[in-house]
Amino acid sequence: MRVLVVEDDVLLRDTLKRDLERNGFAVDVAVDGIDGEFLGASEAYDAVVLDLGLPRLPGLEVLRRWRSAGHLMPVIVLTARDQWHERVEGLKAGADDYLGKPFHLEELLARLQALLRRGQAGHAPRLSREGVELDEEHQAAIVDGARTEPLTALEFRLLRYLMVHSGKVVSKSTLGDHVYERDMDPDSNVIEVYINRLRRKIGKNLIRTRRGQGYVFDGAS
């Protein structure tokens, strides 16, 4: 899954990027409201972590512009813990959740995962499809309830996106939009290599190639 972090505090921004990447997310960052508003409006993100106290353009105005333009990606707003009115204003402007500073990474991860599950109706707390269960905490796939296969960050993001969209054909370009960070070159050949690596780990029939269209996770033979 691809996440945008809009935060002007250098230490917090760098820490969030590093920790989210370690937990299987592709992460882009913006240092102010103008850049954040542009990225959120022009790139495909599965979720956004948005600070309200941003330079150049306040986070609240960034959020309003996104919602007015029809951009509906889940947004978690970051606020000072004692600024209750910021939380209220953020929710009214279209935020999906809020988190007071300072916060623990584990809480942010739990809130992000809850928002992502909420966007896919019917998903269980732990994503499970066709005998494959995704272990978010340990970045691994549990196959047939018995075998655990550790995954690299890119393998994890690819498998999670395909499982979330199980039964649907996902094009290479869409996969690239959601698993690569903005400064990476989404080479389709690289995706093919990682898809083949996933097949060796979870079973060759679970991810099928639709020639000229993309890939589908559905377990059909």
Protein backbone atom coordinates (compact mmCIF):
# COMPACT_ATOMS: atom_id res chain seq x y z
CA MET A 1 0.00 0.00 0.00
CA ARG A 2 1.18 3.53 -0.81
CA VAL A 3 1.02 6.25 1.85
CA LEU A 4 1.66 9.99 1.74
CA VAL A 5 3.09 11.67 4.85
CA VAL A 6 2.68 15.46 4.94
CA GLU A 7 4.73 16.74 7.89
CA ASP A 8 7.10 19.70 8.27
CA ASP A 9 8.96 18.38 11.33
CA VAL A 10 12.09 16.84 9.80
CA LEU A 11 12.75 14.32 12.57
CA LEU A 12 9.14 13.11 12.76
CA ARG A 13 8.78 12.97 8.98
CA ASP A 14 11.96 10.93 8.51
CA THR A 15 11.06 8.64 11.40
CA LEU A 16 7.58 7.99 10.02
CA LYS A 17 8.92 7.26 6.55
CA ARG A 18 11.49 4.79 7.88
CA ASP A 19 9.10 3.02 10.26
CA LEU A 20 6.23 2.77 7.79
CA GLU A 21 8.55 1.36 5.13
CA ARG A 22 9.75 -1.24 7.63
CA ASN A 23 6.12 -2.25 8.04
CA GLY A 24 5.54 -2.82 4.35
CA PHE A 25 4.28 0.55 3.10
CA ALA A 26 5.57 2.53 0.15
CA VAL A 27 5.95 6.08 1.50
CA ASP A 28 6.13 9.49 -0.18
CA VAL A 29 6.67 12.64 1.88
CA ALA A 30 5.84 16.33 1.55
CA VAL A 31 7.34 19.09 3.69
CA ASP A 32 4.59 21.71 3.39
CA GLY A 33 0.95 22.18 2.50
CA ILE A 34 1.47 23.26 -1.11
CA ASP A 35 3.54 20.19 -2.01
CA GLY A 36 1.24 17.94 0.01
CA GLU A 37 -1.89 19.24 -1.68
CA PHE A 38 -0.34 18.72 -5.11
CA LEU A 39 0.84 15.17 -4.40
CA GLY A 40 -2.45 14.12 -2.84
CA ALA A 41 -4.35 15.46 -5.84
CA SER A 42 -2.09 14.04 -8.55
CA GLU A 43 -0.81 10.69 -7.22
CA ALA A 44 -2.59 7.46 -6.22
CA TYR A 45 -2.43 6.97 -2.44
CA ASP A 46 -4.17 4.38 -0.31
CA ALA A 47 -3.95 6.64 2.77
CA VAL A 48 -2.51 9.97 3.94
CA VAL A 49 -1.00 11.04 7.25
CA LEU A 50 -1.54 14.82 7.39
CA ASP A 51 -0.20 17.30 9.93
CA LEU A 52 -2.48 20.31 10.41
CA GLY A 53 0.24 22.80 11.37
CA LEU A 54 1.96 23.07 7.98
CA PRO A 55 3.85 25.98 6.39
CA ARG A 56 2.68 27.64 3.14
CA LEU A 57 -0.80 26.08 3.31
CA PRO A 58 -2.48 24.84 6.52
CA GLY A 59 -3.30 21.15 6.68
CA LEU A 60 -6.99 21.91 7.18
CA GLU A 61 -7.10 23.82 3.89
CA VAL A 62 -5.19 21.00 2.16
CA LEU A 63 -7.83 18.56 3.37
CA ARG A 64 -10.71 20.80 2.27
CA ARG A 65 -9.23 21.15 -1.22
CA TRP A 66 -8.82 17.41 -1.58
CA ARG A 67 -12.39 16.70 -0.54
CA SER A 68 -13.80 19.51 -2.70
CA ALA A 69 -11.99 18.02 -5.69
CA GLY A 70 -13.42 14.57 -4.96
CA HIS A 71 -10.27 12.92 -3.62
CA LEU A 72 -11.58 10.39 -1.11
CA MET A 73 -8.45 8.57 0.12
CA PRO A 74 -8.46 7.94 3.89
CA VAL A 75 -6.76 10.71 5.85
CA ILE A 76 -5.40 10.61 9.40
CA VAL A 77 -4.76 14.10 10.76
CA LEU A 78 -2.02 14.79 13.31
CA THR A 79 -2.79 17.39 15.98
CA ALA A 80 -1.36 18.67 19.22
CA ARG A 81 -2.96 16.53 21.91
CA ASP A 82 -4.58 19.49 23.72
CA GLN A 83 -6.01 21.14 20.60
CA TRP A 84 -9.47 19.53 20.65
CA HIS A 85 -10.89 22.15 18.29
CA GLU A 86 -8.38 21.11 15.60
CA ARG A 87 -9.65 17.55 15.82
CA VAL A 88 -13.25 18.73 15.45
CA GLU A 89 -12.40 20.98 12.50
CA GLY A 90 -10.40 18.20 10.84
CA LEU A 91 -13.25 15.71 11.12
CA LYS A 92 -15.72 18.28 9.76
CA ALA A 93 -13.39 18.95 6.82
CA GLY A 94 -13.36 15.28 5.88
CA ALA A 95 -10.68 13.57 7.98
CA ASP A 96 -11.28 9.89 8.64
CA ASP A 97 -9.35 9.74 11.92
CA TYR A 98 -7.01 11.82 14.07
CA LEU A 99 -3.98 11.17 16.23
CA GLY A 100 -2.64 13.48 18.93
CA LYS A 101 1.07 14.23 19.22
CA PRO A 102 3.14 12.66 20.63
CA PHE A 103 2.00 9.20 19.62
CA HIS A 104 3.30 5.64 19.41
CA LEU A 105 4.02 4.10 16.02
CA GLU A 106 1.96 1.05 16.94
CA GLU A 107 -1.15 3.20 17.33
CA LEU A 108 -0.60 4.90 13.97
CA LEU A 109 -0.14 1.53 12.28
CA ALA A 110 -3.29 0.16 13.89
CA ARG A 111 -5.30 3.19 12.76
CA LEU A 112 -3.91 3.03 9.23
CA GLN A 113 -4.70 -0.66 8.91
CA ALA A 114 -8.21 -0.11 10.29
CA LEU A 115 -8.86 2.62 7.71
CA LEU A 116 -7.56 0.45 4.89
CA ARG A 117 -9.78 -2.45 5.99
CA ARG A 118 -12.75 -0.11 6.28
CA GLY A 119 -12.27 0.85 2.64
CA GLN A 120 -12.68 -2.78 1.63
CA ALA A 121 -16.04 -4.01 2.92
CA GLY A 122 -16.03 -7.40 4.53
CA HIS A 123 -12.30 -7.70 5.18
CA ALA A 124 -11.35 -9.59 8.31
CA PRO A 125 -8.95 -8.01 10.85
CA ARG A 126 -6.18 -10.14 9.32
CA LEU A 127 -6.36 -10.33 5.55
CA SER A 128 -6.99 -13.92 4.42
CA ARG A 129 -7.71 -15.24 0.92
CA GLU A 130 -7.49 -18.67 -0.72
CA GLY A 131 -5.56 -20.28 2.15
CA VAL A 132 -3.10 -17.40 2.42
CA GLU A 133 -3.13 -15.22 5.52
CA LEU A 134 -1.19 -11.95 5.61
CA ASP A 135 0.70 -11.31 8.85
CA GLU A 136 1.09 -7.51 8.94
CA GLU A 137 3.09 -7.47 12.17
CA HIS A 138 5.81 -9.84 10.95
CA GLN A 139 5.58 -8.99 7.22
CA ALA A 140 4.96 -12.61 6.23
CA ALA A 141 2.46 -14.87 4.49
CA ILE A 142 0.98 -17.86 6.32
CA VAL A 143 0.17 -20.57 3.80
CA ASP A 144 -2.52 -23.17 4.58
CA GLY A 145 -2.32 -22.28 8.26
CA ALA A 146 0.99 -24.06 8.66
CA ARG A 147 3.85 -22.62 6.64
CA THR A 148 5.17 -19.08 7.23
CA GLU A 149 6.93 -17.35 4.35
CA PRO A 150 8.84 -14.13 5.18
CA LEU A 151 8.35 -11.43 2.56
CA THR A 152 10.48 -8.53 1.43
CA ALA A 153 8.90 -5.08 1.61
CA LEU A 154 8.04 -5.06 -2.10
CA GLU A 155 6.73 -8.64 -2.05
CA PHE A 156 4.56 -7.75 0.92
CA ARG A 157 3.09 -4.65 -0.77
CA LEU A 158 2.40 -6.54 -4.00
CA LEU A 159 0.72 -9.45 -2.27
CA ARG A 160 -1.35 -7.22 0.00
CA TYR A 161 -2.63 -5.15 -2.91
CA LEU A 162 -3.51 -8.24 -4.96
CA MET A 163 -5.25 -9.88 -2.00
CA VAL A 164 -7.24 -6.76 -1.17
CA HIS A 165 -8.44 -6.74 -4.78
CA SER A 166 -8.90 -10.51 -4.96
CA GLY A 167 -10.82 -11.67 -8.02
CA LYS A 168 -10.13 -8.45 -9.94
CA VAL A 169 -7.60 -7.99 -12.71
CA VAL A 170 -4.92 -5.51 -11.63
CA SER A 171 -2.76 -3.98 -14.34
CA LYS A 172 1.00 -3.57 -14.02
CA SER A 173 0.63 0.21 -14.07
CA THR A 174 -1.86 0.10 -11.20
CA LEU A 175 0.46 -2.14 -9.19
CA GLY A 176 3.28 0.29 -9.87
CA ASP A 177 1.17 3.22 -8.67
CA HIS A 178 0.41 1.53 -5.37
CA VAL A 179 3.59 -0.32 -4.45
CA TYR A 180 6.36 2.02 -5.60
CA GLU A 181 7.43 5.26 -3.99
CA ARG A 182 7.37 8.39 -6.11
CA ASP A 183 11.13 8.52 -6.73
CA MET A 184 11.35 4.88 -7.88
CA ASP A 185 11.13 3.73 -11.49
CA PRO A 186 8.18 1.29 -11.75
CA ASP A 187 9.80 -1.12 -14.19
CA SER A 188 7.19 -3.70 -15.23
CA ASN A 189 9.92 -6.34 -15.58
CA VAL A 190 10.73 -5.92 -11.90
CA ILE A 191 7.06 -6.54 -11.05
CA GLU A 192 7.15 -9.74 -13.09
CA VAL A 193 10.21 -10.92 -11.18
CA TYR A 194 8.54 -10.29 -7.82
CA ILE A 195 5.28 -11.90 -8.91
CA ASN A 196 7.23 -15.06 -9.78
CA ARG A 197 8.96 -14.96 -6.40
CA LEU A 198 5.56 -14.72 -4.69
CA ARG A 199 4.28 -17.68 -6.69
CA ARG A 200 7.17 -19.79 -5.43
CA LYS A 201 6.34 -18.83 -1.86
CA ILE A 202 2.55 -19.10 -1.77
CA GLY A 203 1.69 -21.36 -4.70
CA LYS A 204 1.96 -20.91 -8.45
CA ASN A 205 -1.81 -21.02 -9.12
CA LEU A 206 -2.88 -18.25 -6.74
CA ILE A 207 -1.65 -15.35 -8.88
CA ARG A 208 -2.64 -15.71 -12.54
CA THR A 209 -1.44 -13.66 -15.47
CA ARG A 210 -4.04 -12.18 -17.80
CA ARG A 211 -2.04 -11.52 -20.93
CA GLY A 212 -2.24 -7.90 -21.97
CA GLN A 213 -4.25 -7.01 -18.85
CA GLY A 214 -2.31 -7.75 -15.68
CA TYR A 215 -2.64 -10.12 -12.74
CA VAL A 216 -5.47 -11.56 -10.70
CA PHE A 217 -5.37 -13.23 -7.29
CA ASP A 218 -8.17 -15.78 -7.07
CA GLY A 219 -6.80 -19.29 -6.71
CA ALA A 220 -8.47 -20.60 -9.88
CA SER A 221 -6.52 -23.30 -11.63
